[in-house]
C-alpha atoms as a PDB file:
ATOM      1  CA  MET A   1     -38.825  -5.995 -48.629  1.00  0.00           C
ATOM      2  CA  VAL A   2     -38.012  -8.709 -50.133  1.00  0.00           C
ATOM      3  CA  SER A   3     -41.403 -10.158 -52.651  1.00  0.00           C
ATOM      4  CA  ALA A   4     -42.934 -12.698 -50.792  1.00  0.00           C
ATOM      5  CA  THR A   5     -43.084 -14.904 -54.313  1.00  0.00           C
ATOM      6  CA  GLN A   6     -38.721 -15.026 -53.182  1.00  0.00           C
ATOM      7  CA  ASP A   7     -38.194 -18.658 -52.015  1.00  0.00           C
ATOM      8  CA  PRO A   8     -37.149 -19.069 -48.672  1.00  0.00           C
ATOM      9  CA  GLN A   9     -33.975 -21.080 -48.952  1.00  0.00           C
ATOM     10  CA  GLU A  10     -32.255 -18.477 -50.992  1.00  0.00           C
ATOM     11  CA  TYR A  11     -33.527 -16.087 -48.422  1.00  0.00           C
ATOM     12  CA  ILE A  12     -31.829 -17.452 -45.569  1.00  0.00           C
ATOM     13  CA  ASP A  13     -28.535 -18.013 -47.385  1.00  0.00           C
ATOM     14  CA  GLN A  14     -28.385 -14.532 -47.868  1.00  0.00           C
ATOM     15  CA  MET A  15     -29.399 -13.508 -44.479  1.00  0.00           C
ATOM     16  CA  ALA A  16     -26.573 -15.544 -43.269  1.00  0.00           C
ATOM     17  CA  LEU A  17     -24.080 -14.394 -45.612  1.00  0.00           C
ATOM     18  CA  LYS A  18     -25.174 -10.420 -45.009  1.00  0.00           C
ATOM     19  CA  ARG A  19     -25.104 -11.230 -41.200  1.00  0.00           C
ATOM     20  CA  GLY A  20     -22.503 -13.837 -40.673  1.00  0.00           C
ATOM     21  CA  TYR A  21     -24.554 -15.888 -39.235  1.00  0.00           C
ATOM     22  CA  VAL A  22     -28.821 -17.335 -38.616  1.00  0.00           C
ATOM     23  CA  LEU A  23     -29.952 -18.142 -35.963  1.00  0.00           C
ATOM     24  CA  ASP A  24     -32.539 -21.462 -35.604  1.00  0.00           C
ATOM     25  CA  TYR A  25     -35.857 -19.457 -35.106  1.00  0.00           C
ATOM     26  CA  HIS A  26     -34.607 -17.636 -38.347  1.00  0.00           C
ATOM     27  CA  LYS A  27     -33.955 -20.934 -40.216  1.00  0.00           C
ATOM     28  CA  VAL A  28     -37.590 -22.885 -38.755  1.00  0.00           C
ATOM     29  CA  MET A  29     -39.531 -19.416 -39.868  1.00  0.00           C
ATOM     30  CA  ALA A  30     -38.144 -19.100 -42.891  1.00  0.00           C
ATOM     31  CA  LYS A  31     -39.906 -22.472 -43.474  1.00  0.00           C
ATOM     32  CA  HIS A  32     -42.583 -22.237 -41.205  1.00  0.00           C
ATOM     33  CA  ASP A  33     -44.361 -18.290 -41.753  1.00  0.00           C
ATOM     34  CA  PHE A  34     -41.815 -16.676 -44.161  1.00  0.00           C
ATOM     35  CA  GLU A  35     -43.769 -13.599 -44.164  1.00  0.00           C
ATOM     36  CA  VAL A  36     -42.834 -12.533 -40.585  1.00  0.00           C
ATOM     37  CA  LEU A  37     -39.102 -13.760 -40.862  1.00  0.00           C
ATOM     38  CA  GLN A  38     -39.029 -11.044 -43.586  1.00  0.00           C
ATOM     39  CA  ALA A  39     -40.918  -8.165 -41.965  1.00  0.00           C
ATOM     40  CA  ALA A  40     -38.271  -9.260 -38.708  1.00  0.00           C
ATOM     41  CA  ASN A  41     -35.553  -8.770 -40.793  1.00  0.00           C
ATOM     42  CA  GLU A  42     -36.418  -5.800 -42.647  1.00  0.00           C
ATOM     43  CA  LEU A  43     -36.612  -4.341 -39.119  1.00  0.00           C
ATOM     44  CA  VAL A  44     -32.746  -6.384 -38.501  1.00  0.00           C
ATOM     45  CA  ASN A  45     -31.629  -4.631 -41.798  1.00  0.00           C
ATOM     46  CA  ALA A  46     -32.808  -1.039 -41.284  1.00  0.00           C
ATOM     47  CA  ALA A  47     -31.609  -0.595 -37.310  1.00  0.00           C
ATOM     48  CA  TYR A  48     -28.182  -2.771 -37.563  1.00  0.00           C
ATOM     49  CA  LEU A  49     -26.929  -4.179 -41.124  1.00  0.00           C
ATOM     50  CA  ASN A  50     -27.539  -1.337 -43.582  1.00  0.00           C
ATOM     51  CA  GLU A  51     -24.600   1.334 -43.405  1.00  0.00           C
ATOM     52  CA  ARG A  52     -25.512   4.641 -41.230  1.00  0.00           C
ATOM     53  CA  THR A  53     -24.177   6.761 -39.019  1.00  0.00           C
ATOM     54  CA  LEU A  54     -22.269   3.807 -36.707  1.00  0.00           C
ATOM     55  CA  ASP A  55     -19.587   1.297 -38.634  1.00  0.00           C
ATOM     56  CA  ARG A  56     -20.794  -2.563 -37.647  1.00  0.00           C
ATOM     57  CA  LYS A  57     -17.368  -2.710 -35.547  1.00  0.00           C
ATOM     58  CA  THR A  58     -19.719  -0.774 -33.731  1.00  0.00           C
ATOM     59  CA  LYS A  59     -22.882  -2.156 -33.271  1.00  0.00           C
ATOM     60  CA  GLU A  60     -21.471  -5.015 -33.104  1.00  0.00           C
ATOM     61  CA  LEU A  61     -19.978  -3.884 -29.462  1.00  0.00           C
ATOM     62  CA  ILE A  62     -23.117  -2.367 -28.574  1.00  0.00           C
ATOM     63  CA  PHE A  63     -24.892  -6.681 -29.415  1.00  0.00           C
ATOM     64  CA  ILE A  64     -22.509  -8.101 -27.385  1.00  0.00           C
ATOM     65  CA  ALA A  65     -23.239  -5.541 -24.635  1.00  0.00           C
ATOM     66  CA  THR A  66     -26.843  -5.834 -24.468  1.00  0.00           C
ATOM     67  CA  GLN A  67     -27.143  -9.467 -25.779  1.00  0.00           C
ATOM     68  CA  THR A  68     -25.016 -10.073 -22.114  1.00  0.00           C
ATOM     69  CA  ILE A  69     -27.489  -7.434 -20.336  1.00  0.00           C
ATOM     70  CA  LEU A  70     -30.813  -9.122 -21.598  1.00  0.00           C
ATOM     71  CA  ARG A  71     -28.924 -12.144 -20.486  1.00  0.00           C
ATOM     72  CA  ALA A  72     -28.891 -13.835 -24.492  1.00  0.00           C
ATOM     73  CA  PRO A  73     -27.866 -17.640 -25.465  1.00  0.00           C
ATOM     74  CA  LYS A  74     -24.044 -18.309 -24.878  1.00  0.00           C
ATOM     75  CA  THR A  75     -23.943 -19.238 -28.350  1.00  0.00           C
ATOM     76  CA  GLN A  76     -25.799 -16.073 -29.880  1.00  0.00           C
ATOM     77  CA  ILE A  77     -23.010 -13.559 -27.362  1.00  0.00           C
ATOM     78  CA  GLN A  78     -20.429 -15.618 -29.384  1.00  0.00           C
ATOM     79  CA  SER A  79     -22.070 -15.743 -32.847  1.00  0.00           C
ATOM     80  CA  HIS A  80     -21.746 -11.995 -32.251  1.00  0.00           C
ATOM     81  CA  ILE A  81     -18.041 -11.998 -30.698  1.00  0.00           C
ATOM     82  CA  ARG A  82     -16.837 -13.406 -33.811  1.00  0.00           C
ATOM     83  CA  ILE A  83     -18.355 -11.497 -36.284  1.00  0.00           C
ATOM     84  CA  ALA A  84     -17.057  -8.427 -33.972  1.00  0.00           C
ATOM     85  CA  LEU A  85     -13.466 -10.416 -33.965  1.00  0.00           C
ATOM     86  CA  ASP A  86     -14.101 -10.090 -38.163  1.00  0.00           C
ATOM     87  CA  VAL A  87     -15.221  -6.628 -38.620  1.00  0.00           C
ATOM     88  CA  GLY A  88     -11.616  -6.039 -36.831  1.00  0.00           C
ATOM     89  CA  ALA A  89     -12.778  -5.098 -33.299  1.00  0.00           C
ATOM     90  CA  THR A  90      -9.795  -6.532 -30.699  1.00  0.00           C
ATOM     91  CA  ALA A  91     -10.934  -9.339 -28.181  1.00  0.00           C
ATOM     92  CA  GLN A  92      -9.721  -5.867 -25.562  1.00  0.00           C
ATOM     93  CA  GLU A  93     -12.366  -3.776 -27.154  1.00  0.00           C
ATOM     94  CA  ILE A  94     -14.805  -6.289 -26.509  1.00  0.00           C
ATOM     95  CA  LEU A  95     -14.034  -7.322 -22.994  1.00  0.00           C
ATOM     96  CA  GLU A  96     -14.368  -3.540 -22.432  1.00  0.00           C
ATOM     97  CA  ALA A  97     -18.073  -3.264 -23.635  1.00  0.00           C
ATOM     98  CA  ILE A  98     -18.705  -6.312 -22.171  1.00  0.00           C
ATOM     99  CA  GLU A  99     -17.317  -4.782 -18.918  1.00  0.00           C
ATOM    100  CA  THR A 100     -19.439  -1.999 -19.155  1.00  0.00           C
ATOM    101  CA  THR A 101     -22.316  -4.106 -18.041  1.00  0.00           C
ATOM    102  CA  LEU A 102     -21.150  -4.186 -14.573  1.00  0.00           C
ATOM    103  CA  PRO A 103     -22.577  -0.426 -13.037  1.00  0.00           C
ATOM    104  CA  GLU A 104     -25.507  -2.007 -14.579  1.00  0.00           C
ATOM    105  CA  ALA A 105     -26.140  -5.038 -14.397  1.00  0.00           C
ATOM    106  CA  GLY A 106     -23.764  -6.248 -12.408  1.00  0.00           C
ATOM    107  CA  VAL A 107     -21.482  -9.715 -11.805  1.00  0.00           C
ATOM    108  CA  ILE A 108     -23.364 -12.122 -12.483  1.00  0.00           C
ATOM    109  CA  VAL A 109     -24.615 -10.748 -15.503  1.00  0.00           C
ATOM    110  CA  PHE A 110     -21.336  -9.454 -16.664  1.00  0.00           C
ATOM    111  CA  ASN A 111     -20.170 -13.377 -16.135  1.00  0.00           C
ATOM    112  CA  ALA A 112     -21.864 -14.424 -18.562  1.00  0.00           C
ATOM    113  CA  GLY A 113     -20.846 -12.424 -21.319  1.00  0.00           C
ATOM    114  CA  PHE A 114     -17.478 -12.900 -20.020  1.00  0.00           C
ATOM    115  CA  GLU A 115     -17.544 -16.091 -20.473  1.00  0.00           C
ATOM    116  CA  ALA A 116     -18.772 -15.941 -23.799  1.00  0.00           C
ATOM    117  CA  TRP A 117     -16.069 -13.696 -24.952  1.00  0.00           C
ATOM    118  CA  ARG A 118     -13.128 -16.144 -22.805  1.00  0.00           C
ATOM    119  CA  GLU A 119     -13.956 -19.500 -25.198  1.00  0.00           C
ATOM    120  CA  VAL A 120     -14.149 -17.412 -27.580  1.00  0.00           C
ATOM    121  CA  VAL A 121     -10.736 -15.868 -27.260  1.00  0.00           C
ATOM    122  CA  GLU A 122      -8.957 -18.477 -25.817  1.00  0.00           C
ATOM    123  CA  ALA A 123      -8.420 -16.102 -22.769  1.00  0.00           C
ATOM    124  CA  ASP A 124      -6.617 -17.794 -19.548  1.00  0.00           C
ATOM    125  CA  GLY A 125      -5.673 -16.159 -16.730  1.00  0.00           C
ATOM    126  CA  ILE A 126      -2.996 -16.766 -13.544  1.00  0.00           C
ATOM    127  CA  GLU A 127      -3.533 -19.389 -11.208  1.00  0.00           C
ATOM    128  CA  PRO A 128      -3.179 -19.001  -7.108  1.00  0.00           C
ATOM    129  CA  THR A 129      -0.051 -19.779  -5.755  1.00  0.00           C
ATOM    130  CA  VAL A 130      -2.030 -20.042  -2.178  1.00  0.00           C
ATOM    131  CA  ASP A 131      -4.787 -22.502  -1.201  1.00  0.00           C
ATOM    132  CA  VAL A 132      -7.990 -21.208  -1.967  1.00  0.00           C
ATOM    133  CA  TYR A 133     -11.097 -22.591  -3.524  1.00  0.00           C
ATOM    134  CA  ASN A 134     -12.159 -22.465  -6.777  1.00  0.00           C
ATOM    135  CA  ALA A 135     -15.354 -21.068  -7.062  1.00  0.00           C
ATOM    136  CA  SER A 136     -15.699 -22.533 -10.869  1.00  0.00           C
ATOM    137  CA  GLU A 137     -15.861 -26.404  -9.059  1.00  0.00           C
END
């Protein structure tokens, strides 16, 4: 655990470097309840960031799927999609991780993760050549 006397700015900078991102609550907690931020971050380190059996790519794919199921904000899912790409996951692997949400959580939940993925990887589709209603408008 980091010393309570450590500078909050230094701590949040170290978090950003190690994680590749920080969330808004991290920034606010660094200023307003540094001790709890440190405790929460230690749990994240133990379960997610520290090297153990699963590699970072696998953990990111799990995070993307679970955050999709939990309906995390799109920007949060996108942060993990970007990190997954940075640590070697392909766009297809990430899509397959998101697709695992379909059987258990359904199309509406899947769609949120899918849209986050589509925007990050700039995926496009095939438009029908027949008259059809556009469900996205």
